[in-house]
Amino acid sequence: MSVSVDPTTEPTSARPTGNESAEALRPHAEHAFAGELAALAAQDDRPRPARWRLSPWAVATYLLGGVLPDGTVISPKYVGPRRIVEVAVSTLATDRALLLLGVPGTAKTWVSEHLAAAVSGDSTLLVQGTAGTPEEAIRYGWNYAQLLAHGPSRDALVPSPVMRAMADGATVRVEELTRIPADVQDTLITILSEKTLPIPELGQEVQAVRGFSLIATANDRDRGVNELSSALRRRFNTVVLPLPESVEAEVDIVARRVDQIGRSLDLPTAPDGIDEIRRVVTVFRELRAGVTSDGRTKVKSPSGTLSTAEAISVVTGGLALAAHFGDGVLRAGDVAAGVLGAVVRDPAADRVVWQEYLEAVVRERAGWTDFYRACREVSA
């Protein structure tokens, strides 16, 4: 016997209200970009898979950006190879689950959220993977007051985000899949292969309706933590999100996200801060690669990832310093402490790497004297 899931059994606070407060520190994608999604839907005359809010072409346009026939500008949410986005979107239009794989800071969570927002209009069906994620987070749980009073029943069942997505034909997200214990991960095998979720206590099952899809993210630095079984990995189409190809591409990503975050925090814009953003990005890229951008000097790499996401955090922190303790202009002294904190994760080994980089590269680089002095000051 199959059973439909009534979403009203989930606490009201967990469901989107449709009029998310403007005071939200970080609005969900479907609220933050509601205007763009509405404009795309209004002008999207291409075929849409069952229960999709937009066609696959429009979903890709939403992520990559563009200009619509009526002049509406769609801002890019992901800066990278177009083919990667096209493969990810087309995967969701099939019966395959999507696994976004990459090093930390390659926008896996960001992309998964925007994909869910564009496809289903709801990015809040989310399972956050941790070492303590229980099986109930993927399958279902029980309202124990109802269970003790009346025994197993439909009213006592508490659906997981995965169960709700199956019943509603929506997109569910599973973050940090490889952080979840292996036995809990394998709960997904039947869901992804048979498209059903058995409820043996009730002699029932939930069958996925058309439109159901699952997006998982995994950090490839976590290999060996909880490796996916071969059976589970076969159920996914894997898309690897790379680091930005060039300095300019990464600078553009950082500048855009810092501007978005800054506006939500009422921080001043930093039109004159692009040089500091470029410095932070250059430092991170050179330390990641183990060689300077001109290829002339080899440098040691620290233990941290020095991802694009960390560069965004460093620059946002620098903007806050400039706004509240400076003249509002982003300068070297505002980002130096953040760079140090991102690079030096291991106080012993990483500090040596940083000092060598400062003296061998930053000190000798033309136009970087202020950055060198600021970093020396916070490193002392």
Protein backbone atom coordinates (compact mmCIF):
# COMPACT_ATOMS: atom_id res chain seq x y z
CA MET A 1 0.00 0.00 0.00
CA SER A 2 1.31 3.45 -0.83
CA VAL A 3 0.62 6.50 1.27
CA SER A 4 0.74 10.20 0.60
CA VAL A 5 2.47 12.45 3.08
CA ASP A 6 0.66 15.41 4.53
CA PRO A 7 3.23 18.22 4.87
CA THR A 8 1.17 19.81 7.62
CA THR A 9 2.58 17.23 10.01
CA GLU A 10 5.87 19.11 9.95
CA PRO A 11 6.23 22.05 12.37
CA THR A 12 5.05 25.29 10.78
CA SER A 13 8.35 27.02 11.55
CA ALA A 14 10.17 24.57 9.28
CA ARG A 15 8.08 25.41 6.21
CA PRO A 16 8.54 28.44 3.97
CA THR A 17 5.86 31.05 4.56
CA GLY A 18 5.94 32.63 1.12
CA ASN A 19 6.57 36.09 2.56
CA GLU A 20 9.95 35.70 4.17
CA SER A 21 10.85 38.70 6.29
CA ALA A 22 13.06 41.37 4.77
CA GLU A 23 14.94 41.25 8.08
CA ALA A 24 16.21 37.73 7.43
CA LEU A 25 19.98 37.72 7.63
CA ARG A 26 20.22 35.32 4.70
CA PRO A 27 16.96 34.89 2.75
CA HIS A 28 16.43 31.61 0.96
CA ALA A 29 17.31 31.76 -2.73
CA GLU A 30 13.67 31.58 -3.83
CA HIS A 31 12.96 34.73 -1.80
CA ALA A 32 16.18 36.64 -2.44
CA PHE A 33 15.83 36.19 -6.21
CA ALA A 34 12.04 35.99 -6.45
CA GLY A 35 11.93 38.75 -9.07
CA GLU A 36 14.35 36.97 -11.38
CA LEU A 37 12.55 33.65 -10.99
CA ALA A 38 9.19 35.28 -11.73
CA ALA A 39 10.58 37.03 -14.81
CA LEU A 40 12.03 33.79 -16.11
CA ALA A 41 8.79 31.89 -15.51
CA ALA A 42 6.77 34.57 -17.32
CA GLN A 43 8.95 34.41 -20.44
CA ASP A 44 9.79 30.72 -20.38
CA ASP A 45 7.92 29.00 -23.21
CA ARG A 46 10.07 25.88 -23.38
CA PRO A 47 8.92 22.41 -22.24
CA ARG A 48 9.10 21.84 -18.48
CA PRO A 49 9.46 18.46 -16.80
CA ALA A 50 6.63 17.47 -14.45
CA ARG A 51 6.28 19.83 -11.47
CA TRP A 52 9.24 22.00 -12.51
CA ARG A 53 8.75 25.74 -12.09
CA LEU A 54 11.05 26.46 -15.05
CA SER A 55 12.33 24.64 -18.11
CA PRO A 56 15.85 23.20 -17.96
CA TRP A 57 17.02 26.03 -20.25
CA ALA A 58 15.57 28.64 -17.88
CA VAL A 59 17.10 26.92 -14.83
CA ALA A 60 20.53 27.08 -16.49
CA THR A 61 19.95 30.74 -17.39
CA TYR A 62 19.01 31.48 -13.78
CA LEU A 63 22.28 29.99 -12.54
CA LEU A 64 24.57 31.37 -15.24
CA GLY A 65 22.92 34.74 -15.79
CA GLY A 66 21.77 36.51 -18.91
CA VAL A 67 19.41 39.11 -20.36
CA LEU A 68 15.80 38.18 -21.12
CA PRO A 69 13.94 39.44 -24.21
CA ASP A 70 12.14 42.09 -22.13
CA GLY A 71 15.47 43.43 -20.87
CA THR A 72 15.36 41.79 -17.43
CA VAL A 73 18.89 41.08 -16.24
CA ILE A 74 19.44 37.71 -14.59
CA SER A 75 22.46 37.86 -12.31
CA PRO A 76 24.90 34.92 -12.45
CA LYS A 77 24.73 32.69 -9.39
CA TYR A 78 27.57 30.44 -10.58
CA VAL A 79 30.65 31.57 -12.48
CA GLY A 80 32.18 28.59 -14.23
CA PRO A 81 31.92 26.33 -17.28
CA ARG A 82 28.44 26.39 -18.76
CA ARG A 83 28.59 22.69 -19.54
CA ILE A 84 28.85 21.81 -15.86
CA VAL A 85 25.55 23.55 -15.14
CA GLU A 86 23.89 22.02 -18.19
CA VAL A 87 24.92 18.52 -17.12
CA ALA A 88 23.68 19.14 -13.56
CA VAL A 89 20.31 20.46 -14.74
CA SER A 90 19.80 17.71 -17.31
CA THR A 91 20.57 15.11 -14.62
CA LEU A 92 17.70 16.44 -12.52
CA ALA A 93 15.41 16.05 -15.53
CA THR A 94 16.09 12.29 -15.50
CA ASP A 95 15.54 9.71 -12.77
CA ARG A 96 19.14 10.02 -11.59
CA ALA A 97 20.25 11.75 -8.41
CA LEU A 98 22.90 14.47 -8.66
CA LEU A 99 26.13 14.50 -6.65
CA LEU A 100 28.06 17.79 -6.61
CA LEU A 101 31.65 16.98 -5.74
CA GLY A 102 34.57 19.32 -5.16
CA VAL A 103 37.09 20.79 -2.74
CA PRO A 104 35.75 23.05 0.02
CA GLY A 105 34.61 26.44 -1.18
CA THR A 106 33.68 25.54 -4.76
CA ALA A 107 30.04 26.66 -4.27
CA LYS A 108 28.52 23.18 -4.01
CA THR A 109 25.95 24.21 -1.41
CA TRP A 110 25.29 27.49 -3.22
CA VAL A 111 24.64 25.70 -6.52
CA SER A 112 22.44 23.03 -4.91
CA GLU A 113 20.32 25.68 -3.19
CA HIS A 114 19.77 27.64 -6.40
CA LEU A 115 19.03 24.50 -8.39
CA ALA A 116 16.34 23.52 -5.88
CA ALA A 117 14.92 27.05 -5.86
CA ALA A 118 14.70 27.20 -9.66
CA VAL A 119 13.36 23.67 -10.15
CA SER A 120 10.92 23.35 -7.24
CA GLY A 121 10.58 26.87 -5.89
CA ASP A 122 11.66 25.57 -2.48
CA SER A 123 15.24 25.10 -1.31
CA THR A 124 14.34 24.33 2.30
CA LEU A 125 13.93 20.55 2.00
CA LEU A 126 17.36 19.87 3.44
CA VAL A 127 19.20 17.11 5.28
CA GLN A 128 22.44 18.39 6.81
CA GLY A 129 24.97 15.60 6.92
CA THR A 130 27.10 15.20 10.04
CA ALA A 131 28.75 12.34 11.88
CA GLY A 132 25.63 12.19 14.05
CA THR A 133 22.97 12.28 11.33
CA PRO A 134 20.47 9.51 12.20
CA GLU A 135 18.56 7.29 9.81
CA GLU A 136 15.37 9.14 10.76
CA ALA A 137 16.68 12.29 9.08
CA ILE A 138 16.49 10.50 5.73
CA ARG A 139 13.55 8.11 6.24
CA TYR A 140 11.05 9.24 8.89
CA GLY A 141 10.65 9.60 12.63
CA TRP A 142 7.84 9.31 15.14
CA ASN A 143 5.89 11.63 17.36
CA TYR A 144 6.52 9.66 20.54
CA ALA A 145 3.55 11.07 22.42
CA GLN A 146 1.25 9.81 19.66
CA LEU A 147 3.21 6.58 19.34
CA LEU A 148 2.90 5.73 23.03
CA ALA A 149 -0.74 6.74 23.18
CA HIS A 150 -2.03 5.07 20.02
CA GLY A 151 0.78 2.93 18.63
CA PRO A 152 2.19 3.22 15.12
CA SER A 153 -0.20 5.25 13.00
CA ARG A 154 -0.23 7.74 10.20
CA ASP A 155 -0.73 10.58 12.68
CA ALA A 156 2.34 9.53 14.67
CA LEU A 157 4.61 9.56 11.61
CA VAL A 158 6.99 12.50 11.22
CA PRO A 159 8.16 12.68 7.57
CA SER A 160 11.75 13.55 6.74
CA PRO A 161 12.59 16.16 4.08
CA VAL A 162 13.31 13.25 1.71
CA MET A 163 9.90 11.70 2.32
CA ARG A 164 8.16 15.05 1.78
CA ALA A 165 10.03 15.61 -1.48
CA MET A 166 9.06 12.15 -2.72
CA ALA A 167 5.39 12.73 -1.94
CA ASP A 168 5.31 16.25 -3.38
CA GLY A 169 7.49 15.68 -6.44
CA ALA A 170 10.02 18.23 -5.22
CA THR A 171 13.79 18.57 -4.94
CA VAL A 172 15.53 17.59 -1.71
CA ARG A 173 19.11 18.44 -0.78
CA VAL A 174 21.54 16.29 1.22
CA GLU A 175 24.56 18.30 2.33
CA GLU A 176 27.94 16.74 3.11
CA LEU A 177 26.88 13.22 2.18
CA THR A 178 30.27 11.72 3.02
CA ARG A 179 30.01 13.03 6.58
CA ILE A 180 26.98 10.80 7.19
CA PRO A 181 27.72 7.32 8.63
CA ALA A 182 27.89 4.64 5.93
CA ASP A 183 24.92 2.65 7.22
CA VAL A 184 22.76 5.79 7.18
CA GLN A 185 23.98 6.71 3.69
CA ASP A 186 22.81 3.36 2.39
CA THR A 187 19.26 4.24 3.41
CA LEU A 188 19.21 6.18 0.16
CA ILE A 189 19.82 3.13 -2.04
CA THR A 190 16.22 1.91 -2.12
CA ILE A 191 14.93 5.47 -2.40
CA LEU A 192 17.12 6.23 -5.41
CA SER A 193 16.81 2.87 -7.17
CA GLU A 194 13.20 1.84 -6.46
CA LYS A 195 11.85 5.37 -5.89
CA THR A 196 9.98 4.09 -2.85
CA LEU A 197 10.38 4.46 0.90
CA PRO A 198 8.95 1.50 2.83
CA ILE A 199 7.17 2.07 6.15
CA PRO A 200 7.16 -1.48 7.53
CA GLU A 201 5.58 -0.44 10.85
CA LEU A 202 2.42 0.51 8.93
CA GLY A 203 2.67 -1.98 6.09
CA GLN A 204 2.79 0.96 3.71
CA GLU A 205 5.24 2.80 1.48
CA VAL A 206 5.73 6.24 0.00
CA GLN A 207 6.23 6.25 -3.74
CA ALA A 208 8.06 9.13 -5.35
CA VAL A 209 5.89 11.07 -7.75
CA ARG A 210 7.16 12.68 -10.94
CA GLY A 211 9.32 15.70 -10.26
CA PHE A 212 11.15 14.16 -7.31
CA SER A 213 14.91 14.65 -7.42
CA LEU A 214 17.77 14.57 -4.97
CA ILE A 215 20.89 16.74 -4.94
CA ALA A 216 23.77 15.70 -2.70
CA THR A 217 27.03 17.52 -2.06
CA ALA A 218 30.32 16.00 -0.96
CA ASN A 219 33.74 17.35 -0.19
CA ASP A 220 36.43 15.37 -1.97
CA ARG A 221 38.85 16.24 0.84
CA ASP A 222 36.69 13.96 3.02
CA ARG A 223 37.62 10.76 1.19
CA GLY A 224 38.19 8.09 3.76
CA VAL A 225 35.76 9.61 6.27
CA ASN A 226 32.65 7.73 5.13
CA GLU A 227 33.26 6.63 1.57
CA LEU A 228 30.15 6.05 -0.52
CA SER A 229 29.48 2.40 -1.22
CA SER A 230 29.73 1.39 -4.87
CA ALA A 231 26.01 0.58 -4.79
CA LEU A 232 25.14 4.09 -3.66
CA ARG A 233 27.61 5.87 -5.92
CA ARG A 234 26.05 4.14 -8.95
CA ARG A 235 22.76 5.86 -8.13
CA PHE A 236 24.31 9.28 -8.63
CA ASN A 237 25.47 11.22 -11.62
CA THR A 238 28.58 13.00 -10.32
CA VAL A 239 29.45 16.54 -11.37
CA VAL A 240 32.78 17.94 -10.18
CA LEU A 241 32.79 21.67 -9.45
CA PRO A 242 36.29 23.04 -10.12
CA LEU A 243 38.05 25.98 -8.57
CA PRO A 244 37.85 29.17 -10.68
CA GLU A 245 40.15 28.95 -13.70
CA SER A 246 41.61 32.46 -13.55
CA VAL A 247 42.36 35.22 -11.09
CA GLU A 248 39.82 37.50 -12.76
CA ALA A 249 37.07 34.88 -12.56
CA GLU A 250 37.72 34.34 -8.85
CA VAL A 251 37.92 38.09 -8.20
CA ASP A 252 34.54 38.49 -9.90
CA ILE A 253 33.00 35.74 -7.77
CA VAL A 254 34.38 37.20 -4.54
CA ALA A 255 33.32 40.75 -5.43
CA ARG A 256 29.77 39.69 -6.28
CA ARG A 257 29.24 37.64 -3.14
CA VAL A 258 30.83 40.26 -0.89
CA ASP A 259 28.51 42.86 -2.38
CA GLN A 260 25.45 40.66 -1.74
CA ILE A 261 26.51 39.85 1.82
CA GLY A 262 27.50 43.45 2.50
CA ARG A 263 24.09 44.76 1.43
CA SER A 264 22.34 42.29 3.73
CA LEU A 265 24.53 43.51 6.62
CA ASP A 266 24.27 47.21 5.71
CA LEU A 267 28.00 47.40 5.08
CA PRO A 268 29.27 50.03 2.63
CA THR A 269 30.05 48.98 -0.90
CA ALA A 270 33.73 48.88 -1.73
CA PRO A 271 34.16 50.20 -5.29
CA ASP A 272 37.74 51.11 -4.44
CA GLY A 273 38.36 47.78 -2.74
CA ILE A 274 38.75 45.67 -5.87
CA ASP A 275 42.54 45.92 -5.57
CA GLU A 276 42.44 44.43 -2.08
CA ILE A 277 40.11 41.68 -3.28
CA ARG A 278 42.56 40.90 -6.08
CA ARG A 279 45.43 40.74 -3.57
CA VAL A 280 43.56 38.32 -1.30
CA VAL A 281 42.60 36.13 -4.24
CA THR A 282 46.16 36.20 -5.63
CA VAL A 283 47.66 35.18 -2.27
CA PHE A 284 45.17 32.32 -1.87
CA ARG A 285 45.67 31.05 -5.43
CA GLU A 286 49.47 31.12 -5.19
CA LEU A 287 49.53 29.31 -1.85
CA ARG A 288 47.03 26.74 -3.14
CA ALA A 289 49.05 26.12 -6.29
CA GLY A 290 52.47 26.17 -4.62
CA VAL A 291 53.83 28.60 -7.20
CA THR A 292 53.51 32.33 -7.91
CA SER A 293 51.22 33.53 -10.68
CA ASP A 294 54.16 34.23 -13.00
CA GLY A 295 55.44 30.68 -12.48
CA ARG A 296 58.87 31.87 -11.40
CA THR A 297 58.85 31.13 -7.67
CA LYS A 298 57.79 27.95 -5.93
CA VAL A 299 56.19 28.36 -2.53
CA LYS A 300 55.05 25.95 0.15
CA SER A 301 51.34 25.32 0.58
CA PRO A 302 49.70 25.54 4.03
CA SER A 303 47.37 22.94 5.50
CA GLY A 304 44.19 24.93 4.85
CA THR A 305 42.15 24.87 1.65
CA LEU A 306 42.24 28.65 1.02
CA SER A 307 39.02 28.39 -0.95
CA THR A 308 37.01 31.05 -2.71
CA ALA A 309 34.53 30.90 0.16
CA GLU A 310 37.30 31.75 2.62
CA ALA A 311 38.38 34.67 0.44
CA ILE A 312 34.79 35.95 0.56
CA SER A 313 34.84 35.67 4.36
CA VAL A 314 38.17 37.51 4.63
CA VAL A 315 37.01 40.39 2.44
CA THR A 316 33.62 40.63 4.19
CA GLY A 317 35.41 40.82 7.54
CA GLY A 318 37.69 43.50 6.13
CA LEU A 319 34.67 45.52 4.99
CA ALA A 320 33.23 45.36 8.51
CA LEU A 321 36.52 46.65 9.93
CA ALA A 322 36.66 49.45 7.39
CA ALA A 323 33.04 50.43 8.06
CA HIS A 324 33.11 50.42 11.85
CA PHE A 325 36.73 51.22 12.69
CA GLY A 326 38.00 53.01 9.59
CA ASP A 327 36.90 55.44 6.93
CA GLY A 328 34.80 52.94 4.97
CA VAL A 329 37.49 52.33 2.36
CA LEU A 330 38.83 48.77 2.21
CA ARG A 331 42.57 48.81 2.76
CA ALA A 332 45.38 46.29 3.25
CA GLY A 333 45.21 46.61 7.03
CA ASP A 334 41.56 45.58 6.99
CA VAL A 335 42.17 42.22 5.29
CA ALA A 336 45.59 41.32 6.73
CA ALA A 337 44.29 39.71 9.93
CA GLY A 338 41.72 37.69 7.98
CA VAL A 339 44.36 36.44 5.55
CA LEU A 340 46.58 35.39 8.46
CA GLY A 341 43.70 33.53 10.11
CA ALA A 342 42.85 31.70 6.88
CA VAL A 343 46.44 30.69 6.09
CA VAL A 344 47.75 29.79 9.53
CA ARG A 345 45.58 26.89 10.69
CA ASP A 346 48.48 24.87 12.09
CA PRO A 347 50.33 27.35 14.34
CA ALA A 348 53.65 25.60 13.88
CA ALA A 349 53.92 24.49 10.25
CA ASP A 350 51.64 27.05 8.62
CA ARG A 351 53.28 30.03 10.29
CA VAL A 352 56.61 29.07 8.74
CA VAL A 353 54.95 28.76 5.32
CA TRP A 354 53.34 32.18 5.71
CA GLN A 355 56.52 33.92 6.86
CA GLU A 356 58.50 32.47 3.95
CA TYR A 357 55.81 33.57 1.48
CA LEU A 358 55.73 37.08 2.95
CA GLU A 359 59.48 37.55 2.70
CA ALA A 360 60.11 35.76 -0.60
CA VAL A 361 57.06 36.92 -2.56
CA VAL A 362 55.01 39.72 -0.99
CA ARG A 363 58.00 41.81 0.10
CA GLU A 364 59.47 41.81 -3.42
CA ARG A 365 56.22 42.50 -5.28
CA ALA A 366 55.86 46.02 -6.69
CA GLY A 367 52.94 47.97 -5.26
CA TRP A 368 52.40 45.58 -2.37
CA THR A 369 54.41 47.43 0.29
CA ASP A 370 51.33 48.41 2.30
CA PHE A 371 50.03 44.85 2.19
CA TYR A 372 53.42 43.50 3.28
CA ARG A 373 53.61 45.92 6.23
CA ALA A 374 50.05 45.18 7.33
CA CYS A 375 50.65 41.43 7.23
CA ARG A 376 53.95 41.76 9.07
CA GLU A 377 52.22 43.79 11.78
CA VAL A 378 49.48 41.25 12.44
CA SER A 379 51.96 38.34 12.18
CA ALA A 380 54.31 39.76 14.79
